[in-house]
Amino acid sequence: MDCNSQPGLLPIDQAISAMLAAIVPITTTEIVSLADSLDRVLGQAIYSAINVPGHDNSAMDGYALRHQDLTPEATLNIVGTSLAGHPFNAALNRGDCVRIMTGAVIPAGADTVVMQENVIRQANTIHIQKAPLCGENIRRAGEDIAINTLVFEQGRRITPVDIGLLASLGIQKVTVFKRLKVAVISTGDELKPLTNTLQVGEIYDSNRPTLIALLARLAVDIIDMGCIADDPTKIAAALTTATAQADVVISTGGVSVGDADYTKDVMQTLGKINFWKVAIKPGKPFAFGVLNKQNSDNAKGWFFGLPGNPVSTVVTYHQLVLPALRYLAGEIFEALPSLNMNVQHNLKKQPGRTDYQRGQLITHNGENLVTAASNQSSGVLSSIAYANCYIVLESERGKVNAGEEVKVVLFDKFLQ
């Protein structure tokens, strides 16, 4: 069986392309302080107004000197000291040197720093035991970032290190795209809040807390719509309310073909389903579309209907929803890098869907090894909680024998 023998199943790469083609990234920006910019997406490019470092400075503790004075028998006179934040404010003359510390400004006239380990000092003079090359041990002004150069392009998601780099440029505020507003709904009569004592046939609602936690990594504003019973009228009301408040609505459950799966049908009456069912395992019953916003003729409320099984919820969010949300937020991003490795044991697989099996990548005796979770059921959330990577098996591939090469993708910060 291949994906073409399963009518209506869209290959995952085509599903992602279709979503990105439909979605229009936001353009509204705001200015925030650098301290509040972590994980926000830059709304305009940043150029450096200064050189970093701002001056030629020493890469070592030693002595700044003129390289032309380094004759074999030369003895140099120490005429001062240059410390970080306290430069030596005179020019070096012939035969002079300056005691200098790491990060201190290179004095005028000096062009080389000799390490203190290569010097014999006697009172206020030094004799060079090992001559440095001209220009050695000097970090040049603008060596890290030169004035007027591009630092970060528009669409970059700001990392902790980015904040440090921007601080080194003296930048106090940045322009970022507005936060997305994302509403989260779970559906199902069997789902109960954590405060309840479970009765026979009931389970705790884990999908909604999982999605809210995953979305928190994305720096969006989250609207928790709660858990809605399997009732078309209540589902319709919840989707309408959510769409009025949010840019995106994510629901779990109700998009399969069961007798109580109403979400997809209700959604068709409130908007449009662009596609339904993707050739991905776990997570085939995945819906993407747009809900009609009542408060604006132009605004669109993007809808993602995720399967109800917990692992299917996580995998479809990570592989399908996350790229769409990042694109909608104005971010420029690339797919995660992958590794080709030999799997340690046999893997079950039927052709027809791209399979994201949960695995563990470890290093043992200097060798990287990958193993799959023993239970790959879409209802076993521990299989992904204890994993650190996907073993991605192509849609046309069948069972995999131990020792065969597989594609491995490590979990990123948006999942782990």
Protein backbone atom coordinates (compact mmCIF):
# COMPACT_ATOMS: atom_id res chain seq x y z
CA MET A 1 0.00 0.00 0.00
CA ASP A 2 1.30 3.50 -0.81
CA CYS A 3 -0.05 6.99 -0.14
CA ASN A 4 -1.76 7.02 -3.54
CA SER A 5 -3.83 4.01 -2.52
CA GLN A 6 -5.29 5.92 0.43
CA PRO A 7 -7.62 8.53 -1.14
CA GLY A 8 -7.56 11.94 0.52
CA LEU A 9 -4.28 11.48 2.37
CA LEU A 10 -2.05 14.46 1.66
CA PRO A 11 1.74 13.89 1.91
CA ILE A 12 3.16 15.88 4.80
CA ASP A 13 5.41 18.08 2.68
CA GLN A 14 2.45 19.01 0.49
CA ALA A 15 0.34 19.70 3.60
CA ILE A 16 2.96 22.11 4.94
CA SER A 17 3.34 23.80 1.56
CA ALA A 18 -0.43 24.20 1.26
CA MET A 19 -0.68 25.82 4.70
CA LEU A 20 2.20 28.23 4.07
CA ALA A 21 0.71 29.16 0.70
CA ALA A 22 -2.65 29.96 2.30
CA ILE A 23 -1.38 31.85 5.35
CA VAL A 24 -0.46 35.53 5.17
CA PRO A 25 2.15 36.46 7.84
CA ILE A 26 1.26 39.27 10.21
CA THR A 27 2.75 42.71 9.61
CA THR A 28 1.73 44.66 12.73
CA THR A 29 4.73 45.55 14.88
CA GLU A 30 5.42 47.00 18.30
CA ILE A 31 8.48 48.25 20.16
CA VAL A 32 9.54 46.36 23.29
CA SER A 33 12.46 46.65 25.66
CA LEU A 34 15.41 44.37 25.06
CA ALA A 35 14.69 42.65 28.37
CA ASP A 36 11.20 41.71 27.11
CA SER A 37 12.27 40.57 23.64
CA LEU A 38 13.18 36.92 24.32
CA ASP A 39 11.54 34.61 21.75
CA ARG A 40 9.88 37.52 19.95
CA VAL A 41 10.25 37.81 16.17
CA LEU A 42 12.08 40.84 14.81
CA GLY A 43 9.82 43.14 12.81
CA GLN A 44 12.70 44.96 11.17
CA ALA A 45 16.35 44.29 10.46
CA ILE A 46 18.97 45.50 12.95
CA TYR A 47 22.19 47.19 11.85
CA SER A 48 25.08 48.06 14.13
CA ALA A 49 25.62 51.72 14.99
CA ILE A 50 29.03 50.99 16.52
CA ASN A 51 32.06 48.76 16.16
CA VAL A 52 32.33 45.74 18.44
CA PRO A 53 34.86 45.84 19.96
CA GLY A 54 34.97 49.63 19.84
CA HIS A 55 38.78 49.81 19.93
CA ASP A 56 41.78 47.66 19.19
CA ASN A 57 42.31 45.73 22.43
CA SER A 58 44.57 43.09 23.88
CA ALA A 59 43.70 39.40 23.64
CA MET A 60 46.25 38.53 26.35
CA ASP A 61 47.82 39.78 29.57
CA GLY A 62 51.24 41.04 28.53
CA TYR A 63 52.96 44.09 27.13
CA ALA A 64 51.95 46.35 24.24
CA LEU A 65 54.87 47.49 22.10
CA ARG A 66 56.12 48.58 18.70
CA HIS A 67 57.17 45.52 16.73
CA GLN A 68 59.95 47.45 15.01
CA ASP A 69 61.71 47.80 18.39
CA LEU A 70 62.15 44.02 18.79
CA THR A 71 65.83 43.57 18.05
CA PRO A 72 67.51 40.46 19.53
CA GLU A 73 69.17 42.42 22.33
CA ALA A 74 66.41 44.97 22.88
CA THR A 75 65.37 45.99 26.38
CA LEU A 76 62.10 47.90 26.50
CA ASN A 77 61.06 50.47 29.09
CA ILE A 78 57.68 50.12 30.81
CA VAL A 79 56.13 53.57 30.68
CA GLY A 80 52.65 52.82 31.98
CA THR A 81 49.71 50.43 32.30
CA SER A 82 46.55 49.88 30.26
CA LEU A 83 43.67 48.16 32.06
CA ALA A 84 40.19 47.33 30.79
CA GLY A 85 38.26 50.54 31.24
CA HIS A 86 41.42 52.49 32.12
CA PRO A 87 43.49 53.04 28.96
CA PHE A 88 47.03 54.41 28.73
CA ASN A 89 46.46 57.83 27.19
CA ALA A 90 49.82 58.58 25.61
CA ALA A 91 51.66 57.41 22.52
CA LEU A 92 54.56 54.99 22.67
CA ASN A 93 57.99 56.26 21.68
CA ARG A 94 60.93 54.21 20.47
CA GLY A 95 61.89 51.53 23.00
CA ASP A 96 58.74 51.97 25.10
CA CYS A 97 56.16 49.38 26.13
CA VAL A 98 53.01 49.36 28.26
CA ARG A 99 51.87 46.71 30.71
CA ILE A 100 48.45 45.65 29.36
CA MET A 101 45.63 43.40 30.53
CA THR A 102 43.17 41.37 28.46
CA GLY A 103 40.51 43.62 26.94
CA ALA A 104 42.43 46.83 27.52
CA VAL A 105 42.78 49.41 24.74
CA ILE A 106 45.97 49.20 22.68
CA PRO A 107 47.97 52.43 23.23
CA ALA A 108 48.67 54.75 20.32
CA GLY A 109 51.79 53.68 18.48
CA ALA A 110 51.68 50.06 19.66
CA ASP A 111 51.02 47.35 17.07
CA THR A 112 51.77 44.10 18.94
CA VAL A 113 51.24 42.46 22.32
CA VAL A 114 53.72 39.99 23.75
CA MET A 115 52.40 37.47 26.26
CA GLN A 116 53.72 37.96 29.78
CA GLU A 117 54.90 34.33 29.78
CA ASN A 118 57.41 35.21 27.03
CA VAL A 119 58.97 38.10 28.90
CA ILE A 120 61.59 38.56 31.62
CA ARG A 121 60.82 41.67 33.68
CA GLN A 122 63.34 43.51 35.79
CA ALA A 123 62.02 46.57 37.63
CA ASN A 124 60.60 48.81 34.86
CA THR A 125 62.17 47.06 31.91
CA ILE A 126 61.47 43.86 29.99
CA HIS A 127 63.49 41.55 27.79
CA ILE A 128 61.65 39.47 25.17
CA GLN A 129 62.44 35.74 25.28
CA LYS A 130 60.14 34.80 22.38
CA ALA A 131 59.31 37.52 19.89
CA PRO A 132 55.68 37.73 18.71
CA LEU A 133 54.64 38.32 15.14
CA CYS A 134 53.65 41.84 14.20
CA GLY A 135 50.00 42.39 15.18
CA GLU A 136 49.89 39.27 17.36
CA ASN A 137 47.47 39.12 20.31
CA ILE A 138 45.44 42.16 19.22
CA ARG A 139 41.68 42.08 18.69
CA ARG A 140 40.80 44.71 16.12
CA ALA A 141 38.01 47.27 16.38
CA GLY A 142 34.92 45.90 14.61
CA GLU A 143 36.38 42.39 14.51
CA ASP A 144 33.17 40.97 15.98
CA ILE A 145 30.69 43.37 14.38
CA ALA A 146 31.65 46.31 12.18
CA ILE A 147 29.69 49.56 12.19
CA ASN A 148 26.72 49.71 9.76
CA THR A 149 26.74 45.95 9.12
CA LEU A 150 23.60 43.78 9.28
CA VAL A 151 23.34 42.12 12.69
CA PHE A 152 19.98 40.31 12.45
CA GLU A 153 17.51 40.18 9.60
CA GLN A 154 13.80 40.76 9.92
CA GLY A 155 12.05 37.53 10.89
CA ARG A 156 14.67 36.25 13.33
CA ARG A 157 13.35 34.81 16.60
CA ILE A 158 15.41 36.38 19.39
CA THR A 159 17.47 33.96 21.50
CA PRO A 160 19.14 34.55 24.90
CA VAL A 161 22.53 34.97 23.18
CA ASP A 162 20.97 37.42 20.71
CA ILE A 163 19.94 39.58 23.66
CA GLY A 164 23.53 39.63 24.89
CA LEU A 165 24.81 40.57 21.44
CA LEU A 166 22.26 43.37 21.08
CA ALA A 167 23.17 44.63 24.55
CA SER A 168 26.83 44.80 23.43
CA LEU A 169 25.64 47.19 20.71
CA GLY A 170 23.90 49.44 23.21
CA ILE A 171 20.45 48.58 21.85
CA GLN A 172 17.74 49.14 24.45
CA LYS A 173 14.57 48.54 22.40
CA VAL A 174 13.69 46.41 19.39
CA THR A 175 10.83 46.33 16.90
CA VAL A 176 9.02 42.99 16.92
CA PHE A 177 5.90 41.56 15.33
CA LYS A 178 2.86 41.48 17.56
CA ARG A 179 2.20 38.29 19.48
CA LEU A 180 -0.17 35.81 17.94
CA LYS A 181 -3.33 35.08 19.89
CA VAL A 182 -4.00 31.35 19.93
CA ALA A 183 -7.13 29.75 21.37
CA VAL A 184 -6.99 26.12 22.54
CA ILE A 185 -10.01 23.83 22.80
CA SER A 186 -10.28 20.16 23.68
CA THR A 187 -13.40 18.13 22.92
CA GLY A 188 -14.75 14.88 24.29
CA ASP A 189 -17.34 13.64 26.79
CA GLU A 190 -14.74 11.33 28.30
CA LEU A 191 -12.35 14.15 29.20
CA LYS A 192 -12.42 15.41 32.78
CA PRO A 193 -10.54 18.13 34.66
CA LEU A 194 -7.74 17.18 37.03
CA THR A 195 -9.92 18.08 40.02
CA ASN A 196 -12.35 15.24 39.27
CA THR A 197 -12.25 11.67 40.47
CA LEU A 198 -12.41 9.52 37.37
CA GLN A 199 -15.33 7.21 36.75
CA VAL A 200 -15.29 4.17 34.46
CA GLY A 201 -14.56 5.24 30.88
CA GLU A 202 -13.32 8.70 31.81
CA ILE A 203 -9.80 10.09 31.35
CA TYR A 204 -8.07 13.28 32.36
CA ASP A 205 -7.79 16.00 29.72
CA SER A 206 -4.05 15.97 28.96
CA ASN A 207 -4.06 17.37 25.42
CA ARG A 208 -5.06 20.89 26.36
CA PRO A 209 -2.40 21.30 29.09
CA THR A 210 0.16 19.82 26.69
CA LEU A 211 -0.72 22.25 23.90
CA ILE A 212 -0.75 25.24 26.24
CA ALA A 213 2.70 24.29 27.49
CA LEU A 214 4.00 23.78 23.94
CA LEU A 215 2.60 27.14 22.85
CA ALA A 216 4.29 28.85 25.80
CA ARG A 217 7.63 28.03 24.15
CA LEU A 218 6.48 30.04 21.13
CA ALA A 219 5.82 33.34 22.95
CA VAL A 220 2.18 33.66 21.91
CA ASP A 221 -0.84 34.87 23.88
CA ILE A 222 -2.82 31.77 24.83
CA ILE A 223 -6.59 31.72 25.30
CA ASP A 224 -7.73 28.60 27.16
CA MET A 225 -11.26 27.77 25.98
CA GLY A 226 -11.53 24.70 28.19
CA CYS A 227 -12.93 21.29 27.38
CA ILE A 228 -16.14 21.12 25.34
CA ALA A 229 -18.57 18.19 25.37
CA ASP A 230 -19.34 16.19 22.21
CA ASP A 231 -22.25 18.44 21.32
CA PRO A 232 -22.37 20.21 17.92
CA THR A 233 -24.11 23.29 19.34
CA LYS A 234 -21.59 23.72 22.16
CA ILE A 235 -18.65 23.09 19.82
CA ALA A 236 -19.99 25.68 17.37
CA ALA A 237 -20.41 28.24 20.15
CA ALA A 238 -16.89 27.61 21.43
CA LEU A 239 -15.34 27.91 17.97
CA THR A 240 -17.27 31.14 17.30
CA THR A 241 -16.17 32.66 20.60
CA ALA A 242 -12.58 31.55 20.09
CA THR A 243 -12.44 32.94 16.55
CA ALA A 244 -13.66 36.34 17.72
CA GLN A 245 -10.78 36.56 20.21
CA ALA A 246 -7.88 34.82 18.48
CA ASP A 247 -5.81 34.75 15.30
CA VAL A 248 -5.61 30.95 15.48
CA VAL A 249 -7.85 28.25 16.93
CA ILE A 250 -6.42 24.84 17.78
CA SER A 251 -8.75 22.03 18.79
CA THR A 252 -8.10 18.43 19.70
CA GLY A 253 -10.46 15.57 19.03
CA GLY A 254 -13.54 15.38 16.85
CA VAL A 255 -11.82 15.37 13.46
CA SER A 256 -11.91 11.63 12.81
CA VAL A 257 -14.85 9.60 11.48
CA GLY A 258 -16.43 8.38 14.72
CA ASP A 259 -20.11 8.84 15.56
CA ALA A 260 -19.23 11.57 18.10
CA ASP A 261 -16.60 13.36 16.00
CA TYR A 262 -18.39 16.64 15.35
CA THR A 263 -15.62 19.22 15.18
CA LYS A 264 -14.86 18.80 11.47
CA ASP A 265 -18.55 18.96 10.52
CA VAL A 266 -19.18 22.02 12.68
CA MET A 267 -16.11 23.72 11.31
CA GLN A 268 -17.42 23.29 7.76
CA THR A 269 -20.51 25.27 8.67
CA LEU A 270 -18.46 28.08 10.24
CA GLY A 271 -15.72 28.38 7.62
CA LYS A 272 -13.77 26.32 5.15
CA ILE A 273 -11.61 23.22 5.46
CA ASN A 274 -8.62 23.49 3.13
CA PHE A 275 -7.65 19.88 3.65
CA TRP A 276 -8.36 16.97 5.95
CA LYS A 277 -6.30 13.81 6.48
CA VAL A 278 -2.53 13.81 6.12
CA ALA A 279 -0.23 10.88 5.31
CA ILE A 280 1.49 11.05 8.68
CA LYS A 281 1.70 8.53 11.49
CA PRO A 282 0.61 9.16 14.15
CA GLY A 283 -1.95 11.80 13.31
CA LYS A 284 -3.79 11.04 10.05
CA PRO A 285 -7.05 12.86 10.97
CA PHE A 286 -5.64 16.41 10.87
CA ALA A 287 -7.69 19.33 9.55
CA PHE A 288 -6.57 22.77 8.40
CA GLY A 289 -8.86 25.59 7.39
CA VAL A 290 -10.17 29.05 8.14
CA LEU A 291 -13.03 30.18 10.35
CA ASN A 292 -15.09 33.23 9.46
CA LYS A 293 -14.39 36.10 11.82
CA GLN A 294 -17.49 38.06 12.78
CA ASN A 295 -15.63 41.24 13.78
CA SER A 296 -13.72 41.85 10.53
CA ASP A 297 -14.28 41.30 6.83
CA ASN A 298 -10.57 40.92 6.14
CA ALA A 299 -9.19 39.15 9.20
CA LYS A 300 -8.96 35.39 9.12
CA GLY A 301 -9.12 32.90 11.94
CA TRP A 302 -6.88 29.98 11.04
CA PHE A 303 -8.05 26.63 12.32
CA PHE A 304 -6.04 23.50 13.11
CA GLY A 305 -7.98 20.40 14.08
CA LEU A 306 -5.71 17.90 15.78
CA PRO A 307 -6.46 14.22 16.51
CA GLY A 308 -7.50 13.29 20.02
CA ASN A 309 -4.87 10.64 20.79
CA PRO A 310 -2.17 12.31 22.94
CA VAL A 311 0.88 11.37 20.86
CA SER A 312 -0.96 12.26 17.66
CA THR A 313 -1.74 15.66 19.17
CA VAL A 314 1.92 16.32 19.97
CA VAL A 315 3.34 15.06 16.69
CA THR A 316 0.85 16.90 14.46
CA TYR A 317 1.34 20.09 16.45
CA HIS A 318 5.12 19.82 16.19
CA GLN A 319 5.30 18.78 12.55
CA LEU A 320 2.34 20.65 11.04
CA VAL A 321 1.01 23.40 13.30
CA LEU A 322 4.33 24.74 14.55
CA PRO A 323 5.75 25.56 11.07
CA ALA A 324 2.50 27.31 10.20
CA LEU A 325 2.48 29.35 13.42
CA ARG A 326 6.12 30.36 13.01
CA TYR A 327 5.43 31.49 9.45
CA LEU A 328 2.28 33.34 10.50
CA ALA A 329 4.28 35.12 13.23
CA GLY A 330 6.66 36.49 10.60
CA GLU A 331 9.57 34.21 11.43
CA ILE A 332 12.11 33.03 8.88
CA PHE A 333 13.12 29.48 9.78
CA GLU A 334 14.52 26.30 8.33
CA ALA A 335 13.65 22.66 8.85
CA LEU A 336 15.56 20.85 11.57
CA PRO A 337 18.77 19.13 10.46
CA SER A 338 18.75 15.35 10.37
CA LEU A 339 21.23 12.52 10.88
CA ASN A 340 21.50 9.25 9.01
CA MET A 341 22.13 6.40 11.44
CA ASN A 342 21.84 2.63 11.69
CA VAL A 343 18.96 1.62 13.93
CA GLN A 344 19.67 -0.93 16.67
CA HIS A 345 16.63 -3.17 16.24
CA ASN A 346 13.74 -4.02 13.93
CA LEU A 347 11.01 -1.41 13.38
CA LYS A 348 7.43 -2.11 12.39
CA LYS A 349 6.20 -0.01 9.45
CA GLN A 350 3.54 -0.21 6.73
CA PRO A 351 3.95 1.77 3.49
CA GLY A 352 1.56 4.66 3.00
CA ARG A 353 2.37 7.30 5.62
CA THR A 354 5.49 9.07 6.87
CA ASP A 355 6.06 7.59 10.31
CA TYR A 356 7.47 9.66 13.16
CA GLN A 357 8.55 6.96 15.58
CA ARG A 358 9.74 8.16 18.95
CA GLY A 359 13.31 7.26 19.79
CA GLN A 360 16.34 7.74 22.00
CA LEU A 361 19.65 8.93 20.62
CA ILE A 362 22.51 8.19 23.01
CA THR A 363 26.29 8.07 22.89
CA HIS A 364 27.84 4.83 24.15
CA ASN A 365 31.60 4.27 24.16
CA GLY A 366 31.99 7.16 21.74
CA GLU A 367 29.41 5.80 19.29
CA ASN A 368 25.99 7.32 18.57
CA LEU A 369 23.16 4.79 18.90
CA VAL A 370 19.46 5.19 18.19
CA THR A 371 16.66 3.00 19.48
CA ALA A 372 12.88 3.31 19.14
CA ALA A 373 10.39 3.29 22.00
CA SER A 374 9.04 -0.20 22.55
CA ASN A 375 5.42 0.99 22.35
CA GLN A 376 4.65 3.29 19.41
CA SER A 377 0.92 3.53 20.11
CA SER A 378 -0.56 6.98 19.54
CA GLY A 379 -2.18 6.76 22.96
CA VAL A 380 1.05 6.18 24.91
CA LEU A 381 2.26 9.67 25.82
CA SER A 382 5.23 8.28 27.74
CA SER A 383 6.71 7.16 24.41
CA ILE A 384 7.37 10.78 23.54
CA ALA A 385 7.99 12.01 27.09
CA TYR A 386 10.98 9.65 27.39
CA ALA A 387 12.22 10.25 23.83
CA ASN A 388 14.66 12.84 22.50
CA CYS A 389 14.30 12.30 18.75
CA TYR A 390 12.13 11.12 15.91
CA ILE A 391 13.07 8.18 13.73
CA VAL A 392 11.49 9.38 10.49
CA LEU A 393 10.52 6.58 8.12
CA GLU A 394 9.54 7.57 4.58
CA SER A 395 5.96 6.99 3.44
CA GLU A 396 6.88 4.36 0.86
CA ARG A 397 9.06 2.41 3.28
CA GLY A 398 8.02 -0.86 4.87
CA LYS A 399 9.43 -2.63 7.92
CA VAL A 400 12.99 -1.80 8.91
CA ASN A 401 15.53 -4.40 9.96
CA ALA A 402 18.19 -3.86 12.63
CA GLY A 403 21.29 -2.26 11.12
CA GLU A 404 19.42 -0.44 8.35
CA GLU A 405 20.01 3.27 7.93
CA VAL A 406 17.26 5.60 9.11
CA LYS A 407 16.72 9.35 9.32
CA VAL A 408 16.94 10.78 12.84
CA VAL A 409 15.73 14.25 13.84
CA LEU A 410 16.52 15.50 17.34
CA PHE A 411 13.75 17.25 19.30
CA ASP A 412 14.12 21.03 19.35
CA LYS A 413 13.40 23.66 22.02
CA PHE A 414 9.77 23.87 20.94
CA LEU A 415 9.13 20.29 22.06
CA GLN A 416 11.63 19.32 24.75
